[in-house]
Amino acid sequence: MNRVLVLMSTYNGAKYIRPQLDSIMNQVKVKVSLLIRDDGSKDETIKIIEEYINKYPNNIELVKGNNIGFAASFLTLLKIGGKRNYNYFAFADQDDVWLEYKLFAAVTKIQTLNLDQPALYFSNATAVDEELKYLFDTTKNPLISKETSLVRYFMLGCTMVFNKKLAEIISENTPINKILMHDLWLNQTSIFFGNIIFDSESYILYRQHNNNVAGVGSSLNIRLRRFIKSFKKYERRHFREINAKNLLIAYDSLLLPKDRELIELVAYYRSSLKRRILLLFNRKIIDMGSYFSDTVLRIRILLGLF
């Protein structure tokens, strides 16, 4: 039976965490361990987790920490867990509910890939409201390429399951405190150095509520609000550029020359008018799946806010 280490970062998650913990511990056809890092909760989250530790003393471990943000918290968990003797790893949010075959389905798919290389599985997810009522499917036909990985966020971390090779390369090379989105980082690492497999089936109820750190939505109103919000902080205004520079630093000695050139186009597009024009008209990179999103990207490039 395959052993999977589930990595969960929590923060003030007392309202929804019990159903999620139950759904993780009720996974079938795999042996599950759960490593939790609490990111400085002020509510009853830790108390609830400790109740579950008493119930599953050999399967659940809690690490308490200061508030460092969800990306750094998840990557810290990966750095800790990646050194342990597990073949597979998975990220878990605190407020979702997993179907019982989620991990088994993922591991089965991953085993079709070359396990001597980093391998990442992600899937569709069923977006639901606070009462777990169906809203929509989140991921239908993702365009998976090196180019789109540099600009497009198309994988939900809560659906990700990955092998030890990916855990090791990230643990050994990632500047944890500089990464803005942990799931995007895994996406990019796996696509440049290994393999990715997508599952159109959904094995997760992806709960949407007012306290989501990240969420999904496709209406014009939601997209406009995200566009406006993305200009409020420096990191948000330049997150693609920043992330590309982090890739160049973290994987300096591992990148193929062609891949380095591609990443540099995004990382240093503001350094010259020529680079900006090349990026502006690179249709492989500027391919977000909709005219609206592509137009937004081109506006950001022209403004130097990519």
C-alpha atoms as a PDB file:
ATOM      1  CA  MET A   1       0.000   0.000   0.000  1.00  0.00           C
ATOM      2  CA  ASN A   2       1.420   3.393  -1.004  1.00  0.00           C
ATOM      3  CA  ARG A   3       2.312   5.822   1.765  1.00  0.00           C
ATOM      4  CA  VAL A   4       1.273   9.458   1.273  1.00  0.00           C
ATOM      5  CA  LEU A   5       2.275  12.386   3.456  1.00  0.00           C
ATOM      6  CA  VAL A   6      -0.392  15.097   3.381  1.00  0.00           C
ATOM      7  CA  LEU A   7       0.861  18.612   4.101  1.00  0.00           C
ATOM      8  CA  MET A   8      -1.679  21.027   5.576  1.00  0.00           C
ATOM      9  CA  SER A   9      -1.150  24.650   6.567  1.00  0.00           C
ATOM     10  CA  THR A  10      -3.779  26.045   8.940  1.00  0.00           C
ATOM     11  CA  TYR A  11      -4.728  29.533  10.036  1.00  0.00           C
ATOM     12  CA  ASN A  12      -7.893  30.345  11.993  1.00  0.00           C
ATOM     13  CA  GLY A  13      -9.619  27.385  10.380  1.00  0.00           C
ATOM     14  CA  ALA A  14     -11.744  26.138  13.279  1.00  0.00           C
ATOM     15  CA  LYS A  15     -15.055  26.631  11.455  1.00  0.00           C
ATOM     16  CA  TYR A  16     -14.415  24.084   8.700  1.00  0.00           C
ATOM     17  CA  ILE A  17     -11.401  21.992   9.663  1.00  0.00           C
ATOM     18  CA  ARG A  18     -13.178  18.999  11.255  1.00  0.00           C
ATOM     19  CA  PRO A  19     -14.838  17.727   8.035  1.00  0.00           C
ATOM     20  CA  GLN A  20     -11.551  18.138   6.192  1.00  0.00           C
ATOM     21  CA  LEU A  21      -9.555  16.213   8.788  1.00  0.00           C
ATOM     22  CA  ASP A  22     -12.168  13.454   8.711  1.00  0.00           C
ATOM     23  CA  SER A  23     -12.045  13.250   4.920  1.00  0.00           C
ATOM     24  CA  ILE A  24      -8.239  13.013   4.895  1.00  0.00           C
ATOM     25  CA  MET A  25      -8.107  10.286   7.514  1.00  0.00           C
ATOM     26  CA  ASN A  26     -10.847   8.366   5.685  1.00  0.00           C
ATOM     27  CA  GLN A  27      -8.853   7.993   2.445  1.00  0.00           C
ATOM     28  CA  VAL A  28      -8.923   4.438   1.075  1.00  0.00           C
ATOM     29  CA  LYS A  29      -6.291   2.164  -0.543  1.00  0.00           C
ATOM     30  CA  VAL A  30      -3.393   4.341   0.653  1.00  0.00           C
ATOM     31  CA  LYS A  31      -1.643   4.749   3.985  1.00  0.00           C
ATOM     32  CA  VAL A  32      -2.049   8.380   5.043  1.00  0.00           C
ATOM     33  CA  SER A  33       0.010  10.490   7.400  1.00  0.00           C
ATOM     34  CA  LEU A  34      -0.812  14.150   8.009  1.00  0.00           C
ATOM     35  CA  LEU A  35       1.773  16.821   8.814  1.00  0.00           C
ATOM     36  CA  ILE A  36       0.169  20.116   9.842  1.00  0.00           C
ATOM     37  CA  ARG A  37       1.839  23.476  10.339  1.00  0.00           C
ATOM     38  CA  ASP A  38      -0.269  26.071  12.112  1.00  0.00           C
ATOM     39  CA  ASP A  39       0.545  29.567  10.912  1.00  0.00           C
ATOM     40  CA  GLY A  40      -0.234  31.392  14.171  1.00  0.00           C
ATOM     41  CA  SER A  41      -3.964  30.744  14.614  1.00  0.00           C
ATOM     42  CA  LYS A  42      -5.862  32.785  17.187  1.00  0.00           C
ATOM     43  CA  ASP A  43      -9.023  30.667  17.253  1.00  0.00           C
ATOM     44  CA  GLU A  44      -9.680  27.052  18.288  1.00  0.00           C
ATOM     45  CA  THR A  45      -7.799  25.509  15.338  1.00  0.00           C
ATOM     46  CA  ILE A  46      -4.912  24.088  17.382  1.00  0.00           C
ATOM     47  CA  LYS A  47      -7.256  22.700  20.019  1.00  0.00           C
ATOM     48  CA  ILE A  48      -9.233  20.836  17.351  1.00  0.00           C
ATOM     49  CA  ILE A  49      -6.064  19.482  15.726  1.00  0.00           C
ATOM     50  CA  GLU A  50      -4.831  18.223  19.092  1.00  0.00           C
ATOM     51  CA  GLU A  51      -8.129  16.367  19.537  1.00  0.00           C
ATOM     52  CA  TYR A  52      -7.471  14.568  16.252  1.00  0.00           C
ATOM     53  CA  ILE A  53      -3.879  13.835  17.264  1.00  0.00           C
ATOM     54  CA  ASN A  54      -5.239  12.077  20.345  1.00  0.00           C
ATOM     55  CA  LYS A  55      -7.530  10.084  18.055  1.00  0.00           C
ATOM     56  CA  TYR A  56      -4.818   9.313  15.465  1.00  0.00           C
ATOM     57  CA  PRO A  57      -1.536   9.518  17.445  1.00  0.00           C
ATOM     58  CA  ASN A  58       0.496   7.646  14.839  1.00  0.00           C
ATOM     59  CA  ASN A  59      -0.842   9.489  11.809  1.00  0.00           C
ATOM     60  CA  ILE A  60      -1.060  13.205  12.613  1.00  0.00           C
ATOM     61  CA  GLU A  61       1.731  15.583  13.619  1.00  0.00           C
ATOM     62  CA  LEU A  62       1.449  19.302  14.389  1.00  0.00           C
ATOM     63  CA  VAL A  63       4.137  21.947  13.998  1.00  0.00           C
ATOM     64  CA  LYS A  64       3.299  25.324  15.540  1.00  0.00           C
ATOM     65  CA  GLY A  65       4.786  28.448  14.000  1.00  0.00           C
ATOM     66  CA  ASN A  66       4.596  32.199  13.607  1.00  0.00           C
ATOM     67  CA  ASN A  67       2.487  33.773  10.897  1.00  0.00           C
ATOM     68  CA  ILE A  68       4.615  33.691   7.739  1.00  0.00           C
ATOM     69  CA  GLY A  69       1.845  33.418   5.143  1.00  0.00           C
ATOM     70  CA  PHE A  70       0.345  30.435   3.370  1.00  0.00           C
ATOM     71  CA  ALA A  71       2.999  30.043   0.632  1.00  0.00           C
ATOM     72  CA  ALA A  72       5.968  30.016   3.019  1.00  0.00           C
ATOM     73  CA  SER A  73       4.026  27.815   5.436  1.00  0.00           C
ATOM     74  CA  PHE A  74       3.326  25.151   2.804  1.00  0.00           C
ATOM     75  CA  LEU A  75       6.900  25.249   1.512  1.00  0.00           C
ATOM     76  CA  THR A  76       8.216  24.927   5.071  1.00  0.00           C
ATOM     77  CA  LEU A  77       6.086  21.815   5.435  1.00  0.00           C
ATOM     78  CA  LEU A  78       7.502  20.473   2.203  1.00  0.00           C
ATOM     79  CA  LYS A  79      11.047  21.124   3.381  1.00  0.00           C
ATOM     80  CA  ILE A  80      10.328  19.191   6.585  1.00  0.00           C
ATOM     81  CA  GLY A  81       8.329  16.395   4.991  1.00  0.00           C
ATOM     82  CA  GLY A  82      10.466  16.018   1.883  1.00  0.00           C
ATOM     83  CA  LYS A  83      13.248  14.477   3.959  1.00  0.00           C
ATOM     84  CA  ARG A  84      10.993  11.722   5.246  1.00  0.00           C
ATOM     85  CA  ASN A  85      10.475   8.264   3.835  1.00  0.00           C
ATOM     86  CA  TYR A  86       7.370   8.771   1.717  1.00  0.00           C
ATOM     87  CA  ASN A  87       6.947   8.128  -1.992  1.00  0.00           C
ATOM     88  CA  TYR A  88       4.118  10.619  -2.437  1.00  0.00           C
ATOM     89  CA  PHE A  89       3.088  13.969  -1.011  1.00  0.00           C
ATOM     90  CA  ALA A  90      -0.077  16.064  -1.201  1.00  0.00           C
ATOM     91  CA  PHE A  91      -1.153  19.573  -0.242  1.00  0.00           C
ATOM     92  CA  ALA A  92      -4.385  20.086   1.706  1.00  0.00           C
ATOM     93  CA  ASP A  93      -6.310  23.226   2.522  1.00  0.00           C
ATOM     94  CA  GLN A  94      -8.065  23.451   5.871  1.00  0.00           C
ATOM     95  CA  ASP A  95     -11.605  24.042   4.630  1.00  0.00           C
ATOM     96  CA  ASP A  96     -12.222  21.585   1.774  1.00  0.00           C
ATOM     97  CA  VAL A  97     -13.660  18.066   1.837  1.00  0.00           C
ATOM     98  CA  TRP A  98     -11.953  15.194   0.010  1.00  0.00           C
ATOM     99  CA  LEU A  99     -13.721  12.258  -1.564  1.00  0.00           C
ATOM    100  CA  GLU A 100     -12.399   8.956  -0.247  1.00  0.00           C
ATOM    101  CA  TYR A 101     -10.542   7.940  -3.439  1.00  0.00           C
ATOM    102  CA  LYS A 102      -8.763  11.257  -3.960  1.00  0.00           C
ATOM    103  CA  LEU A 103      -5.241  10.117  -3.047  1.00  0.00           C
ATOM    104  CA  PHE A 104      -5.562   6.649  -4.547  1.00  0.00           C
ATOM    105  CA  ALA A 105      -6.706   8.089  -7.882  1.00  0.00           C
ATOM    106  CA  ALA A 106      -3.790  10.537  -7.871  1.00  0.00           C
ATOM    107  CA  VAL A 107      -1.145   7.945  -7.037  1.00  0.00           C
ATOM    108  CA  THR A 108      -2.514   5.605  -9.716  1.00  0.00           C
ATOM    109  CA  LYS A 109      -2.161   8.368 -12.326  1.00  0.00           C
ATOM    110  CA  ILE A 110       1.323   9.400 -11.185  1.00  0.00           C
ATOM    111  CA  GLN A 111       2.552   5.820 -11.498  1.00  0.00           C
ATOM    112  CA  THR A 112       2.005   6.036 -15.259  1.00  0.00           C
ATOM    113  CA  LEU A 113       4.754   8.695 -15.432  1.00  0.00           C
ATOM    114  CA  ASN A 114       8.534   8.383 -15.272  1.00  0.00           C
ATOM    115  CA  LEU A 115       9.122   8.241 -11.517  1.00  0.00           C
ATOM    116  CA  ASP A 116      12.849   8.810 -11.950  1.00  0.00           C
ATOM    117  CA  GLN A 117      11.900  12.434 -12.682  1.00  0.00           C
ATOM    118  CA  PRO A 118       9.816  14.958 -10.735  1.00  0.00           C
ATOM    119  CA  ALA A 119       6.140  14.115 -11.279  1.00  0.00           C
ATOM    120  CA  LEU A 120       3.063  16.169 -10.416  1.00  0.00           C
ATOM    121  CA  TYR A 121      -0.631  15.279 -10.533  1.00  0.00           C
ATOM    122  CA  PHE A 122      -3.434  17.817 -10.396  1.00  0.00           C
ATOM    123  CA  SER A 123      -7.126  17.535 -11.069  1.00  0.00           C
ATOM    124  CA  ASN A 124     -10.404  19.235 -11.629  1.00  0.00           C
ATOM    125  CA  ALA A 125     -12.129  20.384  -8.445  1.00  0.00           C
ATOM    126  CA  THR A 126     -15.777  20.887  -7.589  1.00  0.00           C
ATOM    127  CA  ALA A 127     -16.302  24.392  -6.290  1.00  0.00           C
ATOM    128  CA  VAL A 128     -18.975  24.429  -3.598  1.00  0.00           C
ATOM    129  CA  ASP A 129     -20.461  27.036  -1.276  1.00  0.00           C
ATOM    130  CA  GLU A 130     -20.152  27.111   2.498  1.00  0.00           C
ATOM    131  CA  GLU A 131     -22.822  24.401   2.795  1.00  0.00           C
ATOM    132  CA  LEU A 132     -21.020  22.199   0.233  1.00  0.00           C
ATOM    133  CA  LYS A 133     -23.610  22.848  -2.488  1.00  0.00           C
ATOM    134  CA  TYR A 134     -22.334  22.630  -6.071  1.00  0.00           C
ATOM    135  CA  LEU A 135     -21.271  25.856  -7.800  1.00  0.00           C
ATOM    136  CA  PHE A 136     -19.136  24.858 -10.812  1.00  0.00           C
ATOM    137  CA  ASP A 137     -16.137  22.817 -11.959  1.00  0.00           C
ATOM    138  CA  THR A 138     -12.859  24.723 -11.675  1.00  0.00           C
ATOM    139  CA  THR A 139     -10.591  23.144 -14.299  1.00  0.00           C
ATOM    140  CA  LYS A 140     -11.709  21.753 -17.653  1.00  0.00           C
ATOM    141  CA  ASN A 141      -9.059  21.824 -20.373  1.00  0.00           C
ATOM    142  CA  PRO A 142      -5.868  23.358 -18.962  1.00  0.00           C
ATOM    143  CA  LEU A 143      -3.201  24.411 -21.441  1.00  0.00           C
ATOM    144  CA  ILE A 144      -0.035  22.910 -19.983  1.00  0.00           C
ATOM    145  CA  SER A 145       3.229  24.298 -21.346  1.00  0.00           C
ATOM    146  CA  LYS A 146       6.410  25.928 -20.123  1.00  0.00           C
ATOM    147  CA  GLU A 147       5.307  29.232 -21.621  1.00  0.00           C
ATOM    148  CA  THR A 148       1.896  29.328 -19.958  1.00  0.00           C
ATOM    149  CA  SER A 149       3.332  28.219 -16.618  1.00  0.00           C
ATOM    150  CA  LEU A 150       5.232  31.522 -16.455  1.00  0.00           C
ATOM    151  CA  VAL A 151       2.094  33.639 -16.654  1.00  0.00           C
ATOM    152  CA  ARG A 152      -0.949  31.528 -15.951  1.00  0.00           C
ATOM    153  CA  TYR A 153      -2.255  30.060 -12.715  1.00  0.00           C
ATOM    154  CA  PHE A 154      -4.139  26.918 -13.739  1.00  0.00           C
ATOM    155  CA  MET A 155      -3.424  24.370 -10.986  1.00  0.00           C
ATOM    156  CA  LEU A 156      -5.102  24.314  -7.591  1.00  0.00           C
ATOM    157  CA  GLY A 157      -2.646  23.364  -4.874  1.00  0.00           C
ATOM    158  CA  CYS A 158      -5.346  21.479  -2.986  1.00  0.00           C
ATOM    159  CA  THR A 159      -5.578  18.968  -5.861  1.00  0.00           C
ATOM    160  CA  MET A 160      -1.828  18.420  -6.154  1.00  0.00           C
ATOM    161  CA  VAL A 161      -0.145  15.098  -5.398  1.00  0.00           C
ATOM    162  CA  PHE A 162       3.526  14.638  -6.287  1.00  0.00           C
ATOM    163  CA  ASN A 163       6.410  12.230  -5.985  1.00  0.00           C
ATOM    164  CA  LYS A 164       9.550  12.328  -3.860  1.00  0.00           C
ATOM    165  CA  LYS A 165      11.731  13.529  -6.753  1.00  0.00           C
ATOM    166  CA  LEU A 166       9.716  16.751  -6.992  1.00  0.00           C
ATOM    167  CA  ALA A 167       9.710  17.156  -3.212  1.00  0.00           C
ATOM    168  CA  GLU A 168      13.501  16.791  -3.165  1.00  0.00           C
ATOM    169  CA  ILE A 169      14.319  19.261  -5.930  1.00  0.00           C
ATOM    170  CA  ILE A 170      12.082  21.887  -4.344  1.00  0.00           C
ATOM    171  CA  SER A 171      13.350  21.252  -0.814  1.00  0.00           C
ATOM    172  CA  GLU A 172      16.957  21.584  -1.963  1.00  0.00           C
ATOM    173  CA  ASN A 173      16.616  24.688  -4.133  1.00  0.00           C
ATOM    174  CA  THR A 174      13.638  26.815  -3.127  1.00  0.00           C
ATOM    175  CA  PRO A 175      14.109  30.221  -1.442  1.00  0.00           C
ATOM    176  CA  ILE A 176      11.047  29.748   0.775  1.00  0.00           C
ATOM    177  CA  ASN A 177      10.573  33.345   1.905  1.00  0.00           C
ATOM    178  CA  LYS A 178      10.667  34.705  -1.657  1.00  0.00           C
ATOM    179  CA  ILE A 179       7.997  32.511  -3.224  1.00  0.00           C
ATOM    180  CA  LEU A 180       4.614  34.202  -3.668  1.00  0.00           C
ATOM    181  CA  MET A 181       2.490  31.138  -4.551  1.00  0.00           C
ATOM    182  CA  HIS A 182       3.590  27.655  -3.516  1.00  0.00           C
ATOM    183  CA  ASP A 183       1.359  25.795  -5.993  1.00  0.00           C
ATOM    184  CA  LEU A 184       2.511  27.919  -8.925  1.00  0.00           C
ATOM    185  CA  TRP A 185       6.102  27.155  -7.902  1.00  0.00           C
ATOM    186  CA  LEU A 186       5.427  23.402  -7.980  1.00  0.00           C
ATOM    187  CA  ASN A 187       3.732  23.793 -11.348  1.00  0.00           C
ATOM    188  CA  GLN A 188       6.744  25.568 -12.820  1.00  0.00           C
ATOM    189  CA  THR A 189       9.324  23.255 -11.242  1.00  0.00           C
ATOM    190  CA  SER A 190       7.592  20.120 -12.458  1.00  0.00           C
ATOM    191  CA  ILE A 191       7.027  21.424 -15.980  1.00  0.00           C
ATOM    192  CA  PHE A 192      10.655  22.513 -16.455  1.00  0.00           C
ATOM    193  CA  PHE A 193      12.261  19.451 -14.857  1.00  0.00           C
ATOM    194  CA  GLY A 194       9.751  16.626 -14.971  1.00  0.00           C
ATOM    195  CA  ASN A 195       6.230  15.603 -15.881  1.00  0.00           C
ATOM    196  CA  ILE A 196       2.674  16.736 -15.164  1.00  0.00           C
ATOM    197  CA  ILE A 197      -0.540  14.775 -15.465  1.00  0.00           C
ATOM    198  CA  PHE A 198      -4.060  16.225 -15.310  1.00  0.00           C
ATOM    199  CA  ASP A 199      -7.174  14.376 -14.174  1.00  0.00           C
ATOM    200  CA  SER A 200     -10.472  15.732 -15.482  1.00  0.00           C
ATOM    201  CA  GLU A 201     -12.313  13.954 -12.677  1.00  0.00           C
ATOM    202  CA  SER A 202     -12.897  15.789  -9.401  1.00  0.00           C
ATOM    203  CA  TYR A 203     -12.251  14.183  -6.025  1.00  0.00           C
ATOM    204  CA  ILE A 204     -12.500  17.312  -3.920  1.00  0.00           C
ATOM    205  CA  LEU A 205     -15.201  19.696  -2.731  1.00  0.00           C
ATOM    206  CA  TYR A 206     -13.401  23.035  -2.980  1.00  0.00           C
ATOM    207  CA  ARG A 207     -15.220  25.231  -0.491  1.00  0.00           C
ATOM    208  CA  GLN A 208     -15.711  28.913  -1.395  1.00  0.00           C
ATOM    209  CA  HIS A 209     -16.381  31.380   1.389  1.00  0.00           C
ATOM    210  CA  ASN A 210     -15.548  34.903   2.513  1.00  0.00           C
ATOM    211  CA  ASN A 211     -12.388  33.848   4.364  1.00  0.00           C
ATOM    212  CA  ASN A 212     -10.714  32.015   1.470  1.00  0.00           C
ATOM    213  CA  VAL A 213      -7.042  32.977   1.156  1.00  0.00           C
ATOM    214  CA  ALA A 214      -7.423  32.126  -2.526  1.00  0.00           C
ATOM    215  CA  GLY A 215     -10.500  31.239  -4.493  1.00  0.00           C
ATOM    216  CA  VAL A 216     -11.858  30.760  -7.951  1.00  0.00           C
ATOM    217  CA  GLY A 217     -14.438  32.419 -10.116  1.00  0.00           C
ATOM    218  CA  SER A 218     -14.999  33.218 -13.734  1.00  0.00           C
ATOM    219  CA  SER A 219     -17.540  36.031 -13.899  1.00  0.00           C
ATOM    220  CA  LEU A 220     -16.533  39.345 -15.431  1.00  0.00           C
ATOM    221  CA  ASN A 221     -17.132  41.068 -12.083  1.00  0.00           C
ATOM    222  CA  ILE A 222     -14.762  38.701 -10.263  1.00  0.00           C
ATOM    223  CA  ARG A 223     -12.073  39.086 -12.918  1.00  0.00           C
ATOM    224  CA  LEU A 224     -12.311  42.871 -12.826  1.00  0.00           C
ATOM    225  CA  ARG A 225     -12.003  42.910  -9.040  1.00  0.00           C
ATOM    226  CA  ARG A 226      -8.917  40.688  -9.200  1.00  0.00           C
ATOM    227  CA  PHE A 227      -7.423  42.928 -11.864  1.00  0.00           C
ATOM    228  CA  ILE A 228      -7.856  46.011  -9.661  1.00  0.00           C
ATOM    229  CA  LYS A 229      -6.623  44.195  -6.540  1.00  0.00           C
ATOM    230  CA  SER A 230      -3.486  43.065  -8.356  1.00  0.00           C
ATOM    231  CA  PHE A 231      -2.183  46.641  -8.489  1.00  0.00           C
ATOM    232  CA  LYS A 232      -2.304  47.292  -4.733  1.00  0.00           C
ATOM    233  CA  LYS A 233       0.986  45.655  -3.690  1.00  0.00           C
ATOM    234  CA  TYR A 234       4.382  45.605  -5.385  1.00  0.00           C
ATOM    235  CA  GLU A 235       4.504  41.799  -5.278  1.00  0.00           C
ATOM    236  CA  ARG A 236       1.092  41.537  -6.917  1.00  0.00           C
ATOM    237  CA  ARG A 237       1.949  44.112  -9.568  1.00  0.00           C
ATOM    238  CA  HIS A 238       5.097  42.246 -10.600  1.00  0.00           C
ATOM    239  CA  PHE A 239       4.524  38.662  -9.431  1.00  0.00           C
ATOM    240  CA  ARG A 240       5.235  37.030 -12.820  1.00  0.00           C
ATOM    241  CA  GLU A 241       8.473  38.957 -13.183  1.00  0.00           C
ATOM    242  CA  ILE A 242       9.489  38.233  -9.576  1.00  0.00           C
ATOM    243  CA  ASN A 243       8.673  34.552  -9.890  1.00  0.00           C
ATOM    244  CA  ALA A 244      10.682  34.228 -13.109  1.00  0.00           C
ATOM    245  CA  LYS A 245      13.696  35.815 -11.427  1.00  0.00           C
ATOM    246  CA  ASN A 246      13.323  33.375  -8.526  1.00  0.00           C
ATOM    247  CA  LEU A 247      13.325  30.469 -10.995  1.00  0.00           C
ATOM    248  CA  LEU A 248      16.574  31.718 -12.513  1.00  0.00           C
ATOM    249  CA  ILE A 249      18.201  32.046  -9.087  1.00  0.00           C
ATOM    250  CA  ALA A 250      16.903  28.793  -7.592  1.00  0.00           C
ATOM    251  CA  TYR A 251      17.635  26.566 -10.582  1.00  0.00           C
ATOM    252  CA  ASP A 252      20.631  28.370 -12.071  1.00  0.00           C
ATOM    253  CA  SER A 253      22.737  25.247 -12.652  1.00  0.00           C
ATOM    254  CA  LEU A 254      19.853  22.993 -13.686  1.00  0.00           C
ATOM    255  CA  LEU A 255      18.107  24.922 -16.463  1.00  0.00           C
ATOM    256  CA  LEU A 256      18.581  24.080 -20.113  1.00  0.00           C
ATOM    257  CA  PRO A 257      19.832  27.057 -22.198  1.00  0.00           C
ATOM    258  CA  LYS A 258      16.560  27.245 -24.153  1.00  0.00           C
ATOM    259  CA  ASP A 259      14.509  27.258 -20.940  1.00  0.00           C
ATOM    260  CA  ARG A 260      16.745  29.890 -19.385  1.00  0.00           C
ATOM    261  CA  GLU A 261      16.197  32.138 -22.406  1.00  0.00           C
ATOM    262  CA  LEU A 262      12.419  31.722 -22.115  1.00  0.00           C
ATOM    263  CA  ILE A 263      12.364  32.545 -18.403  1.00  0.00           C
ATOM    264  CA  GLU A 264      14.671  35.539 -18.909  1.00  0.00           C
ATOM    265  CA  LEU A 265      12.192  37.008 -21.389  1.00  0.00           C
ATOM    266  CA  VAL A 266       9.654  37.301 -18.550  1.00  0.00           C
ATOM    267  CA  ALA A 267      12.153  38.092 -15.801  1.00  0.00           C
ATOM    268  CA  TYR A 268      13.853  40.994 -17.626  1.00  0.00           C
ATOM    269  CA  TYR A 269      11.192  42.223 -20.039  1.00  0.00           C
ATOM    270  CA  ARG A 270      11.437  45.742 -18.572  1.00  0.00           C
ATOM    271  CA  SER A 271      15.167  45.964 -19.288  1.00  0.00           C
ATOM    272  CA  SER A 272      14.699  46.973 -22.941  1.00  0.00           C
ATOM    273  CA  LEU A 273      12.029  47.946 -25.450  1.00  0.00           C
ATOM    274  CA  LYS A 274      13.015  44.965 -27.615  1.00  0.00           C
ATOM    275  CA  ARG A 275      12.342  42.493 -24.807  1.00  0.00           C
ATOM    276  CA  ARG A 276       9.011  44.122 -24.019  1.00  0.00           C
ATOM    277  CA  ILE A 277       7.904  43.876 -27.666  1.00  0.00           C
ATOM    278  CA  LEU A 278       9.049  40.246 -27.899  1.00  0.00           C
ATOM    279  CA  LEU A 279       6.995  39.392 -24.825  1.00  0.00           C
ATOM    280  CA  LEU A 280       4.006  41.433 -25.985  1.00  0.00           C
ATOM    281  CA  PHE A 281       3.702  39.446 -29.229  1.00  0.00           C
ATOM    282  CA  ASN A 282       4.713  36.005 -27.941  1.00  0.00           C
ATOM    283  CA  ARG A 283       1.461  34.114 -28.461  1.00  0.00           C
ATOM    284  CA  LYS A 284       2.664  31.009 -26.631  1.00  0.00           C
ATOM    285  CA  ILE A 285       3.132  33.055 -23.460  1.00  0.00           C
ATOM    286  CA  ILE A 286       0.182  35.416 -23.894  1.00  0.00           C
ATOM    287  CA  ASP A 287      -2.413  32.676 -23.983  1.00  0.00           C
ATOM    288  CA  MET A 288      -4.694  32.855 -20.971  1.00  0.00           C
ATOM    289  CA  GLY A 289      -7.631  31.182 -22.678  1.00  0.00           C
ATOM    290  CA  SER A 290      -9.779  34.265 -23.226  1.00  0.00           C
ATOM    291  CA  TYR A 291      -9.630  37.546 -25.106  1.00  0.00           C
ATOM    292  CA  PHE A 292     -10.243  39.492 -21.879  1.00  0.00           C
ATOM    293  CA  SER A 293      -7.371  37.839 -20.002  1.00  0.00           C
ATOM    294  CA  ASP A 294      -4.958  38.156 -22.927  1.00  0.00           C
ATOM    295  CA  THR A 295      -5.808  41.855 -23.219  1.00  0.00           C
ATOM    296  CA  VAL A 296      -5.185  42.335 -19.497  1.00  0.00           C
ATOM    297  CA  LEU A 297      -1.742  40.720 -19.841  1.00  0.00           C
ATOM    298  CA  ARG A 298      -0.808  42.967 -22.758  1.00  0.00           C
ATOM    299  CA  ILE A 299      -1.909  46.034 -20.794  1.00  0.00           C
ATOM    300  CA  ARG A 300       0.254  44.933 -17.877  1.00  0.00           C
ATOM    301  CA  ILE A 301       3.263  44.459 -20.163  1.00  0.00           C
ATOM    302  CA  LEU A 302       2.796  47.925 -21.687  1.00  0.00           C
ATOM    303  CA  LEU A 303       2.539  49.428 -18.188  1.00  0.00           C
ATOM    304  CA  GLY A 304       5.528  47.434 -16.918  1.00  0.00           C
ATOM    305  CA  LEU A 305       3.352  45.668 -14.359  1.00  0.00           C
ATOM    306  CA  PHE A 306       3.625  42.069 -15.506  1.00  0.00           C
END
